[in-house]
Amino acid sequence: MAAEGVWDLSISTPIGTIEAVVEFARLRQDGVLTGTARGAAESVPLSDITLEGDRLTWKQAVTKPLRLNLAFAVTLDGDTLTGTSKAGRLPASKVTGRRRAVPATAGR
């Protein structure tokens, strides 16, 4: 299952739903999966990204709306994903996402 692309995420937290955008790319030279998350006026790198079959996990640190270290575990199904995000001792939050369509090449 491929994770590459731009994903629109919705995270259902105890303080409300948070919308975020996560982008995954594979480095050409060694094939390592990299990523960045954007939301709440900040952009943060993803770490410990692992893709095994259809299971994708990663970690990220955010400072807005709260300073938290998040651990995501999701299952990919084509252009959708579902799973959880966990922040320390807080209860897990439900995560859903949809991969953005690749824009058509301009000038066709």
PDB file of N, CA and C in Angstrom:
ATOM      1  N   MET A   1       0.858  -1.180   0.000  1.00  0.00           N
ATOM      2  CA  MET A   1       0.000   0.000   0.000  1.00  0.00           C
ATOM      3  C   MET A   1       0.897   1.233   0.000  1.00  0.00           C
ATOM      4  N   ALA A   2       0.608   2.170  -0.848  1.00  0.00           N
ATOM      5  CA  ALA A   2       1.407   3.399  -0.939  1.00  0.00           C
ATOM      6  C   ALA A   2       0.820   4.481  -0.034  1.00  0.00           C
ATOM      7  N   ALA A   3       1.689   5.177   0.684  1.00  0.00           N
ATOM      8  CA  ALA A   3       1.261   6.267   1.569  1.00  0.00           C
ATOM      9  C   ALA A   3       1.557   7.632   0.973  1.00  0.00           C
ATOM     10  N   GLU A   4       2.355   7.678  -0.089  1.00  0.00           N
ATOM     11  CA  GLU A   4       2.788   8.946  -0.649  1.00  0.00           C
ATOM     12  C   GLU A   4       1.597   9.795  -1.083  1.00  0.00           C
ATOM     13  N   GLY A   5       1.749  11.103  -0.872  1.00  0.00           N
ATOM     14  CA  GLY A   5       0.707  12.033  -1.279  1.00  0.00           C
ATOM     15  C   GLY A   5       0.364  12.990  -0.160  1.00  0.00           C
ATOM     16  N   VAL A   6      -0.665  13.795  -0.422  1.00  0.00           N
ATOM     17  CA  VAL A   6      -1.151  14.777   0.543  1.00  0.00           C
ATOM     18  C   VAL A   6      -2.477  14.271   1.098  1.00  0.00           C
ATOM     19  N   TRP A   7      -2.567  14.221   2.417  1.00  0.00           N
ATOM     20  CA  TRP A   7      -3.735  13.690   3.104  1.00  0.00           C
ATOM     21  C   TRP A   7      -4.401  14.774   3.944  1.00  0.00           C
ATOM     22  N   ASP A   8      -5.724  14.902   3.820  1.00  0.00           N
ATOM     23  CA  ASP A   8      -6.505  15.783   4.680  1.00  0.00           C
ATOM     24  C   ASP A   8      -7.012  14.945   5.844  1.00  0.00           C
ATOM     25  N   LEU A   9      -6.572  15.294   7.065  1.00  0.00           N
ATOM     26  CA  LEU A   9      -6.944  14.533   8.253  1.00  0.00           C
ATOM     27  C   LEU A   9      -7.968  15.273   9.087  1.00  0.00           C
ATOM     28  N   SER A  10      -8.787  14.503   9.775  1.00  0.00           N
ATOM     29  CA  SER A  10      -9.723  15.011  10.759  1.00  0.00           C
ATOM     30  C   SER A  10      -9.481  14.206  12.036  1.00  0.00           C
ATOM     31  N   ILE A  11      -9.157  14.913  13.118  1.00  0.00           N
ATOM     32  CA  ILE A  11      -8.823  14.255  14.383  1.00  0.00           C
ATOM     33  C   ILE A  11      -9.865  14.668  15.416  1.00  0.00           C
ATOM     34  N   SER A  12     -10.637  13.693  15.912  1.00  0.00           N
ATOM     35  CA  SER A  12     -11.689  13.960  16.892  1.00  0.00           C
ATOM     36  C   SER A  12     -11.102  13.887  18.288  1.00  0.00           C
ATOM     37  N   THR A  13     -10.843  15.059  18.903  1.00  0.00           N
ATOM     38  CA  THR A  13     -10.210  15.128  20.219  1.00  0.00           C
ATOM     39  C   THR A  13     -11.239  15.529  21.280  1.00  0.00           C
ATOM     40  N   PRO A  14     -10.890  15.380  22.548  1.00  0.00           N
ATOM     41  CA  PRO A  14     -11.801  15.815  23.614  1.00  0.00           C
ATOM     42  C   PRO A  14     -12.105  17.323  23.568  1.00  0.00           C
ATOM     43  N   ILE A  15     -11.241  18.124  22.927  1.00  0.00           N
ATOM     44  CA  ILE A  15     -11.483  19.569  22.861  1.00  0.00           C
ATOM     45  C   ILE A  15     -12.093  19.981  21.523  1.00  0.00           C
ATOM     46  N   GLY A  16     -12.478  19.020  20.703  1.00  0.00           N
ATOM     47  CA  GLY A  16     -13.093  19.304  19.414  1.00  0.00           C
ATOM     48  C   GLY A  16     -12.328  18.671  18.262  1.00  0.00           C
ATOM     49  N   THR A  17     -12.862  18.826  17.071  1.00  0.00           N
ATOM     50  CA  THR A  17     -12.241  18.254  15.879  1.00  0.00           C
ATOM     51  C   THR A  17     -11.146  19.178  15.367  1.00  0.00           C
ATOM     52  N   ILE A  18      -9.999  18.585  15.074  1.00  0.00           N
ATOM     53  CA  ILE A  18      -8.863  19.325  14.537  1.00  0.00           C
ATOM     54  C   ILE A  18      -8.622  18.849  13.113  1.00  0.00           C
ATOM     55  N   GLU A  19      -8.498  19.801  12.202  1.00  0.00           N
ATOM     56  CA  GLU A  19      -8.200  19.494  10.809  1.00  0.00           C
ATOM     57  C   GLU A  19      -6.699  19.700  10.589  1.00  0.00           C
ATOM     58  N   ALA A  20      -6.071  18.786   9.870  1.00  0.00           N
ATOM     59  CA  ALA A  20      -4.636  18.886   9.582  1.00  0.00           C
ATOM     60  C   ALA A  20      -4.374  18.336   8.190  1.00  0.00           C
ATOM     61  N   VAL A  21      -3.229  18.687   7.645  1.00  0.00           N
ATOM     62  CA  VAL A  21      -2.788  18.175   6.349  1.00  0.00           C
ATOM     63  C   VAL A  21      -1.441  17.500   6.567  1.00  0.00           C
ATOM     64  N   VAL A  22      -1.330  16.263   6.118  1.00  0.00           N
ATOM     65  CA  VAL A  22      -0.086  15.510   6.241  1.00  0.00           C
ATOM     66  C   VAL A  22       0.376  15.135   4.840  1.00  0.00           C
ATOM     67  N   GLU A  23       1.670  15.321   4.595  1.00  0.00           N
ATOM     68  CA  GLU A  23       2.227  14.976   3.292  1.00  0.00           C
ATOM     69  C   GLU A  23       3.345  13.965   3.476  1.00  0.00           C
ATOM     70  N   PHE A  24       3.247  12.854   2.735  1.00  0.00           N
ATOM     71  CA  PHE A  24       4.272  11.819   2.753  1.00  0.00           C
ATOM     72  C   PHE A  24       4.951  11.770   1.390  1.00  0.00           C
ATOM     73  N   ALA A  25       6.272  11.604   1.403  1.00  0.00           N
ATOM     74  CA  ALA A  25       7.050  11.460   0.169  1.00  0.00           C
ATOM     75  C   ALA A  25       8.137  10.421   0.422  1.00  0.00           C
ATOM     76  N   ARG A  26       8.590   9.790  -0.646  1.00  0.00           N
ATOM     77  CA  ARG A  26       9.655   8.792  -0.535  1.00  0.00           C
ATOM     78  C   ARG A  26      10.912   9.378  -1.150  1.00  0.00           C
ATOM     79  N   LEU A  27      12.007   9.370  -0.377  1.00  0.00           N
ATOM     80  CA  LEU A  27      13.281   9.887  -0.880  1.00  0.00           C
ATOM     81  C   LEU A  27      13.780   8.996  -2.007  1.00  0.00           C
ATOM     82  N   ARG A  28      14.212   9.622  -3.077  1.00  0.00           N
ATOM     83  CA  ARG A  28      14.650   8.851  -4.257  1.00  0.00           C
ATOM     84  C   ARG A  28      15.895   8.030  -3.995  1.00  0.00           C
ATOM     85  N   GLN A  29      16.883   8.599  -3.280  1.00  0.00           N
ATOM     86  CA  GLN A  29      18.157   7.903  -3.142  1.00  0.00           C
ATOM     87  C   GLN A  29      18.087   6.638  -2.296  1.00  0.00           C
ATOM     88  N   ASP A  30      17.255   6.623  -1.239  1.00  0.00           N
ATOM     89  CA  ASP A  30      17.239   5.431  -0.393  1.00  0.00           C
ATOM     90  C   ASP A  30      15.842   4.880  -0.122  1.00  0.00           C
ATOM     91  N   GLY A  31      14.804   5.505  -0.684  1.00  0.00           N
ATOM     92  CA  GLY A  31      13.452   4.989  -0.541  1.00  0.00           C
ATOM     93  C   GLY A  31      12.819   5.193   0.816  1.00  0.00           C
ATOM     94  N   VAL A  32      13.419   6.015   1.679  1.00  0.00           N
ATOM     95  CA  VAL A  32      12.888   6.261   3.022  1.00  0.00           C
ATOM     96  C   VAL A  32      11.662   7.157   2.924  1.00  0.00           C
ATOM     97  N   LEU A  33      10.626   6.822   3.692  1.00  0.00           N
ATOM     98  CA  LEU A  33       9.411   7.618   3.728  1.00  0.00           C
ATOM     99  C   LEU A  33       9.608   8.800   4.676  1.00  0.00           C
ATOM    100  N   THR A  34       9.312  10.017   4.188  1.00  0.00           N
ATOM    101  CA  THR A  34       9.428  11.233   4.992  1.00  0.00           C
ATOM    102  C   THR A  34       8.064  11.914   5.026  1.00  0.00           C
ATOM    103  N   GLY A  35       7.905  12.877   5.946  1.00  0.00           N
ATOM    104  CA  GLY A  35       6.621  13.542   6.002  1.00  0.00           C
ATOM    105  C   GLY A  35       6.633  14.829   6.791  1.00  0.00           C
ATOM    106  N   THR A  36       5.577  15.624   6.554  1.00  0.00           N
ATOM    107  CA  THR A  36       5.365  16.895   7.229  1.00  0.00           C
ATOM    108  C   THR A  36       3.878  17.029   7.523  1.00  0.00           C
ATOM    109  N   ALA A  37       3.557  17.616   8.683  1.00  0.00           N
ATOM    110  CA  ALA A  37       2.167  17.895   9.039  1.00  0.00           C
ATOM    111  C   ALA A  37       1.980  19.393   9.169  1.00  0.00           C
ATOM    112  N   ARG A  38       0.825  19.889   8.681  1.00  0.00           N
ATOM    113  CA  ARG A  38       0.498  21.304   8.792  1.00  0.00           C
ATOM    114  C   ARG A  38      -0.881  21.450   9.419  1.00  0.00           C
ATOM    115  N   GLY A  39      -0.969  22.416  10.328  1.00  0.00           N
ATOM    116  CA  GLY A  39      -2.247  22.718  10.949  1.00  0.00           C
ATOM    117  C   GLY A  39      -2.041  23.676  12.102  1.00  0.00           C
ATOM    118  N   ALA A  40      -3.093  24.418  12.459  1.00  0.00           N
ATOM    119  CA  ALA A  40      -3.035  25.359  13.587  1.00  0.00           C
ATOM    120  C   ALA A  40      -1.842  26.306  13.476  1.00  0.00           C
ATOM    121  N   ALA A  41      -1.607  26.804  12.275  1.00  0.00           N
ATOM    122  CA  ALA A  41      -0.559  27.813  12.024  1.00  0.00           C
ATOM    123  C   ALA A  41       0.857  27.315  12.277  1.00  0.00           C
ATOM    124  N   GLU A  42       1.082  26.014  12.185  1.00  0.00           N
ATOM    125  CA  GLU A  42       2.447  25.506  12.295  1.00  0.00           C
ATOM    126  C   GLU A  42       2.637  24.314  11.374  1.00  0.00           C
ATOM    127  N   SER A  43       3.886  24.094  10.989  1.00  0.00           N
ATOM    128  CA  SER A  43       4.270  22.967  10.161  1.00  0.00           C
ATOM    129  C   SER A  43       5.362  22.211  10.901  1.00  0.00           C
ATOM    130  N   VAL A  44       5.180  20.895  11.057  1.00  0.00           N
ATOM    131  CA  VAL A  44       6.140  20.107  11.834  1.00  0.00           C
ATOM    132  C   VAL A  44       6.554  18.865  11.052  1.00  0.00           C
ATOM    133  N   PRO A  45       7.807  18.432  11.235  1.00  0.00           N
ATOM    134  CA  PRO A  45       8.253  17.205  10.574  1.00  0.00           C
ATOM    135  C   PRO A  45       7.695  15.968  11.283  1.00  0.00           C
ATOM    136  N   LEU A  46       7.518  14.904  10.525  1.00  0.00           N
ATOM    137  CA  LEU A  46       7.104  13.630  11.099  1.00  0.00           C
ATOM    138  C   LEU A  46       8.349  12.799  11.374  1.00  0.00           C
ATOM    139  N   SER A  47       8.280  11.962  12.393  1.00  0.00           N
ATOM    140  CA  SER A  47       9.413  11.093  12.723  1.00  0.00           C
ATOM    141  C   SER A  47       8.927   9.658  12.890  1.00  0.00           C
ATOM    142  N   ASP A  48       9.875   8.740  12.897  1.00  0.00           N
ATOM    143  CA  ASP A  48       9.589   7.308  13.100  1.00  0.00           C
ATOM    144  C   ASP A  48       8.467   6.808  12.189  1.00  0.00           C
ATOM    145  N   ILE A  49       8.491   7.200  10.921  1.00  0.00           N
ATOM    146  CA  ILE A  49       7.455   6.780   9.977  1.00  0.00           C
ATOM    147  C   ILE A  49       7.705   5.326   9.581  1.00  0.00           C
ATOM    148  N   THR A  50       6.675   4.491   9.742  1.00  0.00           N
ATOM    149  CA  THR A  50       6.781   3.080   9.399  1.00  0.00           C
ATOM    150  C   THR A  50       5.551   2.664   8.619  1.00  0.00           C
ATOM    151  N   LEU A  51       5.763   2.020   7.482  1.00  0.00           N
ATOM    152  CA  LEU A  51       4.680   1.468   6.684  1.00  0.00           C
ATOM    153  C   LEU A  51       4.919  -0.021   6.547  1.00  0.00           C
ATOM    154  N   GLU A  52       4.013  -0.816   7.129  1.00  0.00           N
ATOM    155  CA  GLU A  52       4.087  -2.278   7.037  1.00  0.00           C
ATOM    156  C   GLU A  52       2.752  -2.770   6.522  1.00  0.00           C
ATOM    157  N   GLY A  53       2.738  -3.190   5.263  1.00  0.00           N
ATOM    158  CA  GLY A  53       1.475  -3.593   4.647  1.00  0.00           C
ATOM    159  C   GLY A  53       0.571  -2.381   4.516  1.00  0.00           C
ATOM    160  N   ASP A  54      -0.616  -2.440   5.147  1.00  0.00           N
ATOM    161  CA  ASP A  54      -1.533  -1.307   5.102  1.00  0.00           C
ATOM    162  C   ASP A  54      -1.517  -0.497   6.405  1.00  0.00           C
ATOM    163  N   ARG A  55      -0.596  -0.818   7.318  1.00  0.00           N
ATOM    164  CA  ARG A  55      -0.521  -0.123   8.607  1.00  0.00           C
ATOM    165  C   ARG A  55       0.589   0.932   8.560  1.00  0.00           C
ATOM    166  N   LEU A  56       0.207   2.187   8.832  1.00  0.00           N
ATOM    167  CA  LEU A  56       1.127   3.320   8.799  1.00  0.00           C
ATOM    168  C   LEU A  56       1.173   3.950  10.185  1.00  0.00           C
ATOM    169  N   THR A  57       2.385   4.150  10.713  1.00  0.00           N
ATOM    170  CA  THR A  57       2.544   4.804  12.005  1.00  0.00           C
ATOM    171  C   THR A  57       3.563   5.933  11.881  1.00  0.00           C
ATOM    172  N   TRP A  58       3.395   6.965  12.713  1.00  0.00           N
ATOM    173  CA  TRP A  58       4.364   8.050  12.774  1.00  0.00           C
ATOM    174  C   TRP A  58       4.193   8.821  14.058  1.00  0.00           C
ATOM    175  N   LYS A  59       5.183   9.654  14.353  1.00  0.00           N
ATOM    176  CA  LYS A  59       5.147  10.522  15.528  1.00  0.00           C
ATOM    177  C   LYS A  59       5.366  11.957  15.089  1.00  0.00           C
ATOM    178  N   GLN A  60       4.811  12.875  15.872  1.00  0.00           N
ATOM    179  CA  GLN A  60       5.035  14.298  15.610  1.00  0.00           C
ATOM    180  C   GLN A  60       4.843  15.069  16.910  1.00  0.00           C
ATOM    181  N   ALA A  61       5.536  16.200  17.021  1.00  0.00           N
ATOM    182  CA  ALA A  61       5.400  17.083  18.177  1.00  0.00           C
ATOM    183  C   ALA A  61       4.707  18.352  17.701  1.00  0.00           C
ATOM    184  N   VAL A  62       3.685  18.796  18.445  1.00  0.00           N
ATOM    185  CA  VAL A  62       2.978  20.024  18.101  1.00  0.00           C
ATOM    186  C   VAL A  62       3.034  20.979  19.285  1.00  0.00           C
ATOM    187  N   THR A  63       2.845  22.267  19.000  1.00  0.00           N
ATOM    188  CA  THR A  63       2.810  23.265  20.072  1.00  0.00           C
ATOM    189  C   THR A  63       1.470  23.985  20.131  1.00  0.00           C
ATOM    190  N   LYS A  64       0.615  23.789  19.091  1.00  0.00           N
ATOM    191  CA  LYS A  64      -0.687  24.450  19.062  1.00  0.00           C
ATOM    192  C   LYS A  64      -1.766  23.436  18.746  1.00  0.00           C
ATOM    193  N   PRO A  65      -2.910  23.390  19.384  1.00  0.00           N
ATOM    194  CA  PRO A  65      -3.320  24.326  20.424  1.00  0.00           C
ATOM    195  C   PRO A  65      -2.660  24.066  21.772  1.00  0.00           C
ATOM    196  N   LEU A  66      -2.051  22.881  21.925  1.00  0.00           N
ATOM    197  CA  LEU A  66      -1.307  22.533  23.140  1.00  0.00           C
ATOM    198  C   LEU A  66       0.024  21.932  22.728  1.00  0.00           C
ATOM    199  N   ARG A  67       0.992  21.969  23.641  1.00  0.00           N
ATOM    200  CA  ARG A  67       2.276  21.311  23.386  1.00  0.00           C
ATOM    201  C   ARG A  67       2.102  19.818  23.692  1.00  0.00           C
ATOM    202  N   LEU A  68       2.159  19.005  22.619  1.00  0.00           N
ATOM    203  CA  LEU A  68       1.932  17.570  22.762  1.00  0.00           C
ATOM    204  C   LEU A  68       2.860  16.784  21.853  1.00  0.00           C
ATOM    205  N   ASN A  69       3.193  15.578  22.281  1.00  0.00           N
ATOM    206  CA  ASN A  69       3.883  14.607  21.434  1.00  0.00           C
ATOM    207  C   ASN A  69       2.834  13.581  21.031  1.00  0.00           C
ATOM    208  N   LEU A  70       2.583  13.479  19.734  1.00  0.00           N
ATOM    209  CA  LEU A  70       1.522  12.619  19.224  1.00  0.00           C
ATOM    210  C   LEU A  70       2.098  11.381  18.557  1.00  0.00           C
ATOM    211  N   ALA A  71       1.404  10.264  18.721  1.00  0.00           N
ATOM    212  CA  ALA A  71       1.751   9.018  18.040  1.00  0.00           C
ATOM    213  C   ALA A  71       0.520   8.562  17.262  1.00  0.00           C
ATOM    214  N   PHE A  72       0.674   8.439  15.936  1.00  0.00           N
ATOM    215  CA  PHE A  72      -0.423   8.045  15.066  1.00  0.00           C
ATOM    216  C   PHE A  72      -0.262   6.583  14.653  1.00  0.00           C
ATOM    217  N   ALA A  73      -1.389   5.883  14.554  1.00  0.00           N
ATOM    218  CA  ALA A  73      -1.440   4.513  14.030  1.00  0.00           C
ATOM    219  C   ALA A  73      -2.696   4.416  13.191  1.00  0.00           C
ATOM    220  N   VAL A  74      -2.529   4.273  11.879  1.00  0.00           N
ATOM    221  CA  VAL A  74      -3.670   4.246  10.971  1.00  0.00           C
ATOM    222  C   VAL A  74      -3.562   3.073  10.009  1.00  0.00           C
ATOM    223  N   THR A  75      -4.696   2.745   9.418  1.00  0.00           N
ATOM    224  CA  THR A  75      -4.763   1.716   8.394  1.00  0.00           C
ATOM    225  C   THR A  75      -5.152   2.380   7.084  1.00  0.00           C
ATOM    226  N   LEU A  76      -4.382   2.116   6.044  1.00  0.00           N
ATOM    227  CA  LEU A  76      -4.651   2.668   4.714  1.00  0.00           C
ATOM    228  C   LEU A  76      -5.588   1.740   3.955  1.00  0.00           C
ATOM    229  N   ASP A  77      -6.530   2.346   3.228  1.00  0.00           N
ATOM    230  CA  ASP A  77      -7.429   1.595   2.362  1.00  0.00           C
ATOM    231  C   ASP A  77      -7.630   2.434   1.113  1.00  0.00           C
ATOM    232  N   GLY A  78      -6.738   2.272   0.137  1.00  0.00           N
ATOM    233  CA  GLY A  78      -6.788   3.089  -1.074  1.00  0.00           C
ATOM    234  C   GLY A  78      -6.480   4.538  -0.748  1.00  0.00           C
ATOM    235  N   ASP A  79      -7.470   5.419  -0.978  1.00  0.00           N
ATOM    236  CA  ASP A  79      -7.277   6.844  -0.727  1.00  0.00           C
ATOM    237  C   ASP A  79      -7.907   7.310   0.579  1.00  0.00           C
ATOM    238  N   THR A  80      -8.188   6.369   1.487  1.00  0.00           N
ATOM    239  CA  THR A  80      -8.705   6.731   2.807  1.00  0.00           C
ATOM    240  C   THR A  80      -7.842   6.089   3.882  1.00  0.00           C
ATOM    241  N   LEU A  81      -7.885   6.664   5.066  1.00  0.00           N
ATOM    242  CA  LEU A  81      -7.209   6.083   6.219  1.00  0.00           C
ATOM    243  C   LEU A  81      -8.081   6.266   7.449  1.00  0.00           C
ATOM    244  N   THR A  82      -7.936   5.344   8.385  1.00  0.00           N
ATOM    245  CA  THR A  82      -8.638   5.417   9.664  1.00  0.00           C
ATOM    246  C   THR A  82      -7.713   4.897  10.734  1.00  0.00           C
ATOM    247  N   GLY A  83      -7.853   5.423  11.946  1.00  0.00           N
ATOM    248  CA  GLY A  83      -7.029   4.957  13.048  1.00  0.00           C
ATOM    249  C   GLY A  83      -7.132   5.878  14.231  1.00  0.00           C
ATOM    250  N   THR A  84      -6.003   5.990  14.960  1.00  0.00           N
ATOM    251  CA  THR A  84      -5.994   6.786  16.182  1.00  0.00           C
ATOM    252  C   THR A  84      -4.729   7.625  16.291  1.00  0.00           C
ATOM    253  N   SER A  85      -4.860   8.648  17.117  1.00  0.00           N
ATOM    254  CA  SER A  85      -3.734   9.479  17.519  1.00  0.00           C
ATOM    255  C   SER A  85      -3.717   9.460  19.035  1.00  0.00           C
ATOM    256  N   LYS A  86      -2.536   9.266  19.606  1.00  0.00           N
ATOM    257  CA  LYS A  86      -2.420   9.170  21.060  1.00  0.00           C
ATOM    258  C   LYS A  86      -1.428  10.221  21.539  1.00  0.00           C
ATOM    259  N   ALA A  87      -1.804  10.939  22.600  1.00  0.00           N
ATOM    260  CA  ALA A  87      -0.953  11.968  23.195  1.00  0.00           C
ATOM    261  C   ALA A  87      -0.730  11.612  24.657  1.00  0.00           C
ATOM    262  N   GLY A  88       0.400  10.968  24.932  1.00  0.00           N
ATOM    263  CA  GLY A  88       0.738  10.621  26.312  1.00  0.00           C
ATOM    264  C   GLY A  88      -0.349   9.819  26.993  1.00  0.00           C
ATOM    265  N   ARG A  89      -0.792  10.295  28.168  1.00  0.00           N
ATOM    266  CA  ARG A  89      -1.805   9.584  28.948  1.00  0.00           C
ATOM    267  C   ARG A  89      -3.234   9.933  28.553  1.00  0.00           C
ATOM    268  N   LEU A  90      -3.394  10.863  27.639  1.00  0.00           N
ATOM    269  CA  LEU A  90      -4.734  11.236  27.194  1.00  0.00           C
ATOM    270  C   LEU A  90      -5.364  10.087  26.419  1.00  0.00           C
ATOM    271  N   PRO A  91      -6.704  10.031  26.393  1.00  0.00           N
ATOM    272  CA  PRO A  91      -7.358   8.975  25.607  1.00  0.00           C
ATOM    273  C   PRO A  91      -7.024   9.111  24.118  1.00  0.00           C
ATOM    274  N   ALA A  92      -7.040   8.000  23.417  1.00  0.00           N
ATOM    275  CA  ALA A  92      -6.779   8.024  21.973  1.00  0.00           C
ATOM    276  C   ALA A  92      -7.884   8.793  21.262  1.00  0.00           C
ATOM    277  N   SER A  93      -7.510   9.522  20.226  1.00  0.00           N
ATOM    278  CA  SER A  93      -8.456  10.278  19.410  1.00  0.00           C
ATOM    279  C   SER A  93      -8.621   9.581  18.065  1.00  0.00           C
ATOM    280  N   LYS A  94      -9.855   9.567  17.553  1.00  0.00           N
ATOM    281  CA  LYS A  94     -10.145   8.943  16.267  1.00  0.00           C
ATOM    282  C   LYS A  94      -9.608   9.825  15.143  1.00  0.00           C
ATOM    283  N   VAL A  95      -8.946   9.193  14.167  1.00  0.00           N
ATOM    284  CA  VAL A  95      -8.383   9.891  13.013  1.00  0.00           C
ATOM    285  C   VAL A  95      -8.993   9.307  11.742  1.00  0.00           C
ATOM    286  N   THR A  96      -9.443  10.182  10.856  1.00  0.00           N
ATOM    287  CA  THR A  96      -9.870   9.768   9.526  1.00  0.00           C
ATOM    288  C   THR A  96      -9.163  10.665   8.521  1.00  0.00           C
ATOM    289  N   GLY A  97      -8.968  10.166   7.320  1.00  0.00           N
ATOM    290  CA  GLY A  97      -8.290  10.977   6.320  1.00  0.00           C
ATOM    291  C   GLY A  97      -8.602  10.541   4.911  1.00  0.00           C
ATOM    292  N   ARG A  98      -8.394  11.484   3.996  1.00  0.00           N
ATOM    293  CA  ARG A  98      -8.581  11.223   2.573  1.00  0.00           C
ATOM    294  C   ARG A  98      -7.412  11.818   1.808  1.00  0.00           C
ATOM    295  N   ARG A  99      -6.853  11.013   0.897  1.00  0.00           N
ATOM    296  CA  ARG A  99      -5.754  11.473   0.055  1.00  0.00           C
ATOM    297  C   ARG A  99      -6.303  12.420  -1.002  1.00  0.00           C
ATOM    298  N   ARG A 100      -5.618  13.557  -1.200  1.00  0.00           N
ATOM    299  CA  ARG A 100      -6.024  14.501  -2.236  1.00  0.00           C
ATOM    300  C   ARG A 100      -5.731  13.915  -3.608  1.00  0.00           C
ATOM    301  N   ALA A 101      -6.591  14.214  -4.551  1.00  0.00           N
ATOM    302  CA  ALA A 101      -6.377  13.769  -5.923  1.00  0.00           C
ATOM    303  C   ALA A 101      -5.164  14.495  -6.497  1.00  0.00           C
ATOM    304  N   VAL A 102      -4.409  13.795  -7.312  1.00  0.00           N
ATOM    305  CA  VAL A 102      -3.252  14.411  -7.967  1.00  0.00           C
ATOM    306  C   VAL A 102      -3.788  15.354  -9.039  1.00  0.00           C
ATOM    307  N   PRO A 103      -3.369  16.629  -9.007  1.00  0.00           N
ATOM    308  CA  PRO A 103      -3.890  17.577 -10.008  1.00  0.00           C
ATOM    309  C   PRO A 103      -3.455  17.176 -11.419  1.00  0.00           C
ATOM    310  N   ALA A 104      -4.332  17.454 -12.368  1.00  0.00           N
ATOM    311  CA  ALA A 104      -4.009  17.187 -13.773  1.00  0.00           C
ATOM    312  C   ALA A 104      -2.857  18.069 -14.205  1.00  0.00           C
ATOM    313  N   THR A 105      -2.027  17.568 -15.086  1.00  0.00           N
ATOM    314  CA  THR A 105      -0.887  18.325 -15.592  1.00  0.00           C
ATOM    315  C   THR A 105      -1.382  19.511 -16.422  1.00  0.00           C
ATOM    316  N   ALA A 106      -0.869  20.679 -16.098  1.00  0.00           N
ATOM    317  CA  ALA A 106      -1.281  21.885 -16.822  1.00  0.00           C
ATOM    318  C   ALA A 106      -0.748  21.857 -18.251  1.00  0.00           C
ATOM    319  N   GLY A 107      -1.477  22.495 -19.166  1.00  0.00           N
ATOM    320  CA  GLY A 107      -0.998  22.628 -20.524  1.00  0.00           C
ATOM    321  C   GLY A 107      -1.253  21.430 -21.410  1.00  0.00           C
ATOM    322  N   ARG A 108      -2.164  20.582 -21.033  1.00  0.00           N
ATOM    323  CA  ARG A 108      -2.461  19.412 -21.867  1.00  0.00           C
ATOM    324  C   ARG A 108      -3.222  19.789 -23.080  1.00  0.00           C
TER     325      ARG A 108
END
